[in-house]
Protein backbone atom coordinates (compact mmCIF):
# COMPACT_ATOMS: atom_id res chain seq x y z
CA MET A 1 36.61 -30.26 -14.60
CA ASP A 2 35.06 -30.35 -11.47
CA LEU A 3 33.32 -27.28 -10.38
CA HIS A 4 32.45 -27.93 -6.53
CA PRO A 5 29.47 -25.92 -4.60
CA ARG A 6 31.56 -24.76 -2.08
CA LEU A 7 33.78 -22.91 -4.92
CA LEU A 8 31.08 -21.44 -6.20
CA ARG A 9 28.94 -20.74 -3.55
CA VAL A 10 32.31 -18.35 -2.25
CA PHE A 11 32.44 -16.86 -5.68
CA VAL A 12 28.96 -16.04 -5.31
CA ALA A 13 29.08 -14.46 -2.10
CA VAL A 14 32.47 -12.20 -3.00
CA ALA A 15 30.70 -11.32 -6.29
CA GLU A 16 27.79 -9.91 -4.76
CA GLU A 17 29.57 -8.43 -1.64
CA LEU A 18 32.68 -7.16 -3.74
CA HIS A 19 34.87 -7.47 -0.82
CA PHE A 20 36.58 -10.35 0.47
CA GLY A 21 36.29 -9.72 4.40
CA ARG A 22 32.13 -9.44 4.21
CA ALA A 23 31.97 -12.35 2.16
CA ALA A 24 34.18 -14.29 4.36
CA ALA A 25 31.93 -13.08 7.70
CA ARG A 26 29.00 -13.98 5.45
CA LEU A 27 29.80 -17.56 4.86
CA PHE A 28 31.64 -17.95 8.40
CA LEU A 29 34.83 -18.55 6.74
CA ALA A 30 38.42 -16.93 7.62
CA GLN A 31 39.36 -14.38 4.72
CA GLN A 32 42.32 -16.85 4.18
CA ALA A 33 40.05 -19.79 3.22
CA LEU A 34 37.75 -18.03 0.98
CA SER A 35 40.73 -16.33 -0.86
CA ARG A 36 42.19 -19.95 -1.30
CA ASP A 37 39.08 -21.16 -2.70
CA VAL A 38 38.46 -18.28 -4.91
CA ARG A 39 42.00 -19.17 -6.25
CA THR A 40 41.36 -22.51 -6.64
CA LEU A 41 38.10 -21.69 -8.80
CA GLU A 42 40.25 -19.56 -10.97
CA THR A 43 42.56 -22.03 -11.23
CA ARG A 44 40.17 -24.78 -12.44
CA LEU A 45 38.88 -22.61 -15.18
CA GLY A 46 42.13 -21.10 -16.23
CA MET A 47 40.88 -17.49 -16.14
CA PRO A 48 40.95 -14.54 -13.55
CA LEU A 49 37.31 -13.90 -12.11
CA PHE A 50 37.89 -10.59 -10.14
CA VAL A 51 40.41 -7.67 -10.01
CA ARG A 52 41.54 -7.09 -7.18
CA SER A 53 43.33 -4.02 -5.77
CA THR A 54 44.04 -2.51 -2.40
CA ARG A 55 40.61 -0.35 -2.54
CA ARG A 56 38.33 -2.41 -4.30
CA VAL A 57 37.14 -5.93 -5.90
CA GLU A 58 35.58 -6.01 -9.43
CA LEU A 59 34.24 -8.69 -11.68
CA THR A 60 36.07 -9.60 -14.57
CA PRO A 61 34.25 -10.16 -17.78
CA ALA A 62 34.82 -13.91 -17.45
CA GLY A 63 33.34 -13.51 -13.54
CA ALA A 64 30.62 -11.48 -15.07
CA ARG A 65 29.65 -14.64 -17.07
CA LEU A 66 30.34 -17.12 -14.67
CA LEU A 67 27.77 -15.27 -11.96
CA PRO A 68 24.07 -16.34 -13.22
CA GLY A 69 24.76 -19.92 -14.10
CA ALA A 70 26.85 -20.24 -10.41
CA ARG A 71 23.48 -19.02 -9.18
CA ARG A 72 21.37 -21.16 -11.03
CA LEU A 73 23.56 -24.52 -9.87
CA LEU A 74 23.31 -23.58 -6.09
CA ALA A 75 19.84 -22.63 -6.19
CA LEU A 76 19.49 -26.19 -8.15
CA HIS A 77 21.84 -27.92 -5.74
CA ASP A 78 19.91 -26.81 -2.68
CA GLU A 79 16.68 -27.94 -4.16
CA VAL A 80 17.85 -31.37 -4.85
CA VAL A 81 19.32 -31.43 -0.99
CA ALA A 82 15.92 -30.25 0.03
CA ASP A 83 13.84 -32.95 -1.89
CA VAL A 84 16.33 -35.82 -0.75
CA LEU A 85 16.19 -34.65 2.99
CA GLY A 86 12.27 -33.83 2.85
CA ALA A 87 10.38 -33.48 5.99
CA ASP A 88 13.29 -35.22 8.08
CA ARG A 89 15.54 -31.46 7.73
CA PRO A 90 14.08 -28.75 10.30
CA LEU A 91 12.83 -25.76 9.06
CA LEU A 92 14.91 -23.00 10.36
CA VAL A 93 13.11 -19.87 10.70
CA ASP A 94 14.26 -16.44 11.60
CA VAL A 95 11.85 -14.79 13.74
CA THR A 96 14.76 -11.66 14.29
CA MET A 97 14.71 -11.00 17.98
CA GLN A 98 15.40 -13.40 20.77
CA GLY A 99 12.69 -12.66 23.25
CA PRO A 100 9.91 -14.39 25.32
CA ASP A 101 7.19 -14.71 22.88
CA LEU A 102 7.74 -16.28 19.48
CA PRO A 103 5.45 -14.97 16.22
CA GLU A 104 2.15 -16.04 16.13
CA PRO A 105 2.53 -17.36 12.60
CA LEU A 106 5.09 -19.99 13.81
CA VAL A 107 3.64 -20.62 17.06
CA ARG A 108 0.29 -21.72 14.54
CA ALA A 109 1.87 -23.38 12.17
CA ARG A 110 3.45 -25.84 14.75
CA GLU A 111 -0.01 -26.41 15.72
CA LEU A 112 -0.77 -27.11 12.08
CA ALA A 113 1.85 -29.37 11.31
CA PRO A 114 2.69 -30.95 14.38
CA GLY A 115 5.21 -33.47 13.30
CA THR A 116 7.24 -31.05 11.28
CA GLU A 117 10.01 -29.42 13.13
CA MET A 118 10.19 -25.76 12.61
CA LEU A 119 13.60 -24.38 14.58
CA ALA A 120 13.87 -20.67 15.36
CA ARG A 121 16.91 -18.63 14.55
CA PHE A 122 17.49 -14.56 15.44
CA HIS A 123 19.50 -13.15 12.60
CA GLY A 124 18.51 -9.33 14.03
CA GLY A 125 16.98 -8.09 10.58
CA LEU A 126 15.58 -9.31 6.88
CA ALA A 127 19.38 -8.16 5.44
CA ALA A 128 20.96 -10.50 7.79
CA GLY A 129 18.46 -13.41 7.20
CA ALA A 130 18.33 -12.98 3.44
CA ALA A 131 22.15 -13.41 3.32
CA ALA A 132 22.08 -16.65 5.13
CA MET A 133 19.06 -17.71 3.16
CA LEU A 134 21.13 -17.34 -0.13
CA ASP A 135 23.95 -18.97 1.06
CA GLY A 136 21.62 -22.03 2.46
CA ARG A 137 21.93 -21.40 6.27
CA LEU A 138 18.55 -20.49 6.56
CA ASP A 139 14.92 -20.91 5.12
CA VAL A 140 12.41 -18.63 6.10
CA SER A 141 12.76 -15.43 7.69
CA PHE A 142 10.26 -12.06 8.69
CA GLY A 143 11.05 -8.23 7.74
CA ARG A 144 10.57 -5.54 4.95
CA PHE A 145 11.01 -6.92 2.00
CA ALA A 146 10.93 -3.95 -0.40
CA GLY A 147 14.06 -2.56 1.50
CA LEU A 148 16.29 -4.98 0.03
CA PRO A 149 18.20 -4.61 -2.86
CA ALA A 150 16.89 -5.60 -6.21
CA ASP A 151 19.32 -8.41 -7.13
CA VAL A 152 18.64 -10.16 -3.34
CA ARG A 153 14.62 -9.36 -4.20
CA ALA A 154 15.04 -11.32 -7.22
CA ARG A 155 16.10 -14.61 -5.73
CA LEU A 156 13.60 -14.45 -2.83
CA ALA A 157 10.00 -14.62 -2.66
CA GLN A 158 7.53 -13.18 -0.37
CA VAL A 159 4.22 -12.98 0.92
CA PRO A 160 3.04 -9.90 3.04
CA VAL A 161 1.83 -10.77 6.84
CA ARG A 162 0.96 -7.66 8.19
CA LEU A 163 0.92 -3.81 8.18
CA GLN A 164 2.36 -2.44 11.43
CA PRO A 165 2.25 1.06 12.52
CA LEU A 166 5.24 2.52 13.28
CA ALA A 167 6.70 4.28 16.76
CA VAL A 168 9.60 5.54 18.58
CA LEU A 169 11.40 4.24 21.26
CA LEU A 170 12.57 6.96 23.95
CA PRO A 171 14.13 7.78 27.07
CA ALA A 172 11.21 7.80 30.12
CA ASP A 173 12.12 11.18 30.69
CA HIS A 174 12.41 12.69 26.98
CA PRO A 175 9.84 15.66 26.28
CA LEU A 176 8.33 13.43 23.48
CA ALA A 177 7.61 10.78 26.08
CA GLU A 178 4.95 12.65 28.05
CA LEU A 179 2.69 12.64 24.61
CA ASP A 180 0.05 9.31 24.35
CA ALA A 181 1.05 9.78 20.70
CA VAL A 182 3.95 11.68 18.51
CA PRO A 183 2.85 13.62 15.61
CA LEU A 184 5.28 13.37 12.94
CA ALA A 185 5.58 17.60 12.87
CA ALA A 186 6.59 17.21 16.75
CA LEU A 187 9.19 14.32 15.50
CA ALA A 188 10.97 16.78 13.23
CA ALA A 189 12.54 18.67 16.14
CA PHE A 190 14.79 15.64 16.97
CA PRO A 191 16.94 13.67 14.86
CA LEU A 192 15.39 10.25 14.11
CA ASP A 193 17.52 7.39 14.71
CA VAL A 194 16.82 4.52 12.14
CA MET A 195 19.79 2.26 12.99
CA ALA A 196 21.89 3.26 9.69
CA GLY A 197 25.07 1.62 10.75
CA ASN A 198 23.69 -1.88 11.06
CA ALA A 199 24.00 -3.71 7.84
CA GLY A 200 21.74 -6.61 8.81
CA THR A 201 18.67 -4.45 9.15
CA ARG A 202 19.32 -2.22 5.85
CA GLU A 203 15.43 -3.01 4.84
CA TRP A 204 14.42 -1.28 8.16
CA SER A 205 17.26 1.93 8.18
CA ASP A 206 15.56 2.17 4.26
CA LEU A 207 11.90 2.65 5.66
CA GLY A 208 13.23 5.27 7.86
CA GLU A 209 14.92 7.07 5.36
CA ARG A 210 11.67 6.95 3.07
CA LEU A 211 9.73 8.10 6.03
CA ALA A 212 12.32 11.01 6.46
CA GLU A 213 12.27 12.02 2.91
CA ALA A 214 8.08 12.11 3.01
CA PHE A 215 7.50 14.46 6.25
CA GLY A 216 10.67 16.44 6.03
CA LEU A 217 12.42 14.61 9.42
CA ARG A 218 16.19 14.85 10.30
CA LEU A 219 18.23 11.60 10.48
CA ALA A 220 20.60 10.64 13.41
CA ARG A 221 24.36 9.94 12.12
CA PRO A 222 24.54 6.07 12.03
CA HIS A 223 26.67 4.45 14.60
CA ALA A 224 27.62 0.63 15.56
CA ALA A 225 24.23 -1.07 16.49
CA PRO A 226 23.72 -2.08 20.39
CA GLU A 227 22.91 -5.73 20.65
CA GLY A 228 20.19 -6.55 23.56
CA ALA A 229 17.49 -4.55 25.60
CA ALA A 230 19.80 -3.89 28.09
CA GLU A 231 22.52 -2.39 25.72
CA MET A 232 19.57 -0.36 23.64
CA GLY A 233 18.59 1.07 27.11
CA HIS A 234 22.19 2.41 27.81
CA TYR A 235 22.37 3.98 24.33
CA LEU A 236 18.99 5.64 24.50
CA ARG A 237 20.02 7.09 27.67
CA ARG A 238 23.37 8.50 26.51
CA HIS A 239 22.45 9.62 23.20
CA ARG A 240 18.94 10.49 23.73
CA GLU A 241 17.39 10.15 20.20
CA PRO A 242 13.98 8.83 19.26
CA VAL A 243 14.71 5.30 17.83
CA LEU A 244 12.41 4.12 15.07
CA SER A 245 10.63 1.05 15.99
CA SER A 246 7.28 -0.39 15.72
CA VAL A 247 4.19 -0.30 18.02
CA GLY A 248 4.49 -2.76 21.02
CA ILE A 249 7.90 -2.82 21.02
CA GLY A 250 8.77 -3.19 24.63
CA GLY A 251 11.06 -4.37 27.32
CA ILE A 252 13.70 -1.49 26.96
CA PRO A 253 15.28 -0.49 30.41
CA GLY A 254 14.35 3.15 30.84
CA ALA A 255 12.66 3.44 27.91
CA VAL A 256 8.85 3.94 26.72
CA ASN A 257 7.49 3.18 23.15
CA ARG A 258 5.25 5.78 21.68
CA PRO A 259 3.43 5.62 18.34
CA LEU A 260 3.99 7.92 15.53
CA ALA A 261 0.70 10.01 14.11
CA GLU A 262 -0.56 12.64 12.05
CA PRO A 263 -0.54 10.68 9.80
CA VAL A 264 0.06 7.07 10.97
CA PRO A 265 2.78 6.03 9.29
CA LEU A 266 3.15 2.05 8.77
CA GLY A 267 5.87 -0.63 8.12
CA LEU A 268 5.05 -4.04 5.93
CA GLN A 269 6.42 -7.17 7.28
CA ASN A 270 6.74 -10.09 4.84
CA LEU A 271 7.67 -13.53 5.01
CA VAL A 272 10.72 -14.35 2.94
CA HIS A 273 11.82 -17.62 1.75
CA PRO A 274 14.28 -18.16 -1.31
CA LYS A 275 12.36 -19.41 -4.67
CA GLY A 276 11.92 -22.86 -5.24
CA LEU A 277 11.80 -23.79 -1.51
CA ARG A 278 9.66 -26.79 -0.78
CA HIS A 279 8.87 -27.93 2.61
CA PRO A 280 6.05 -28.89 4.69
CA GLY A 281 6.69 -26.60 7.59
CA LEU A 282 6.90 -23.81 5.08
CA ALA A 283 3.47 -24.84 3.72
CA ALA A 284 2.13 -24.52 7.33
CA LEU A 285 3.69 -21.18 8.12
CA LEU A 286 2.18 -19.95 4.86
CA ALA A 287 -1.31 -21.42 6.19
CA ALA A 288 -0.96 -19.86 9.40
CA VAL A 289 -0.19 -16.31 7.62
CA ALA A 290 -3.25 -16.82 5.69
CA GLU A 291 -5.53 -17.76 8.61
CA LEU A 292 -3.91 -15.37 11.02
CA GLY A 293 -4.01 -12.24 8.43
CA ARG A 294 -8.04 -13.08 7.76
CA ALA A 295 -8.84 -13.31 11.27
CA ARG A 296 -6.82 -10.15 13.04
CA HIS A 297 -7.29 -7.83 9.31
CA TRP A 298 -3.32 -8.10 9.44
CA LEU A 299 -3.53 -6.15 6.14
CA ARG A 300 -6.36 -3.75 6.62
CA ARG A 301 -4.69 -0.19 5.98
CA PRO A 302 -5.87 2.38 8.51
CA PRO A 303 -7.48 5.38 6.92
CA GLY A 304 -5.41 8.31 6.21
CA SER A 305 -2.03 6.34 6.99
CA TRP A 306 1.43 6.10 5.24
CA LEU A 307 3.27 3.75 3.57
CA PRO A 308 6.19 3.51 0.99
CA GLU A 309 5.07 3.28 -2.70
CA ALA A 310 7.07 -0.05 -2.73
CA ASP A 311 5.37 -1.64 0.10
CA GLU A 312 2.27 -0.46 -0.94
CA ALA A 313 2.24 -2.30 -4.67
CA LEU A 314 3.24 -5.58 -2.43
CA VAL A 315 0.17 -5.35 -0.48
CA ALA A 316 -1.99 -4.35 -3.77
CA ALA A 317 -0.50 -7.61 -5.52
């Protein structure tokens, strides 16, 4: 019996998404091709792996037994491929957003390992980057690790990079834009947009939800996420709801960035990669993060600041 890695990769994607459409999008496959591969695997095993209905997809007992082993086989497969290719394979690094400047760790890593190719990718959020890493389409991503689902975190490794003060993006003529810093008590008068409609940045929405719960803030209704600076500017002018951001994020037409205060809320950025990944580019990135973090005090927490407990535990560890 030949359990081809392609068939196992399709099975794992459907098992984790419990939705054929989302699994197909995650693997960049046509849904018809994905369904065909699932049927092929079920035929070879001689048993159904999923119970399908018009409203839901569930694992059968056989599918639940197969899932842990399929994950181990795929991890070993990817590890063997990485060992064979070694330094000849570029390290694919997700830097989240396309802009004029690359993250400092990637710039420094290229200086530390000039003979190793590291290619930037732009997945738009750690949730999207995590899916790409687990499917073997990406090596490294940056973002808030604590906001990922537990089963995803279990298959990834992380290193805390920096604590980032949070801010809000506002239309330039918004009442809060007149302030140098926005107290959380003042923010409570307006619905806070945490981009809850964007599945690719689910870890960021989770941070916003925790912030809202801790300080009695109202959340804006989920919506389709704008893409690009111009569309974000258009969205802000139309909806006028403060959008959760980090200090320093700019370049949005007609918008201003104002830090949050009283207390200063923080977000934790992590470097994330699949467990078992070995690559000289990853070693250079980890060295760059350690070097820059010490020099810039990236993990030094300001007095009286706020950080979710899950992120605080990662920093402490």
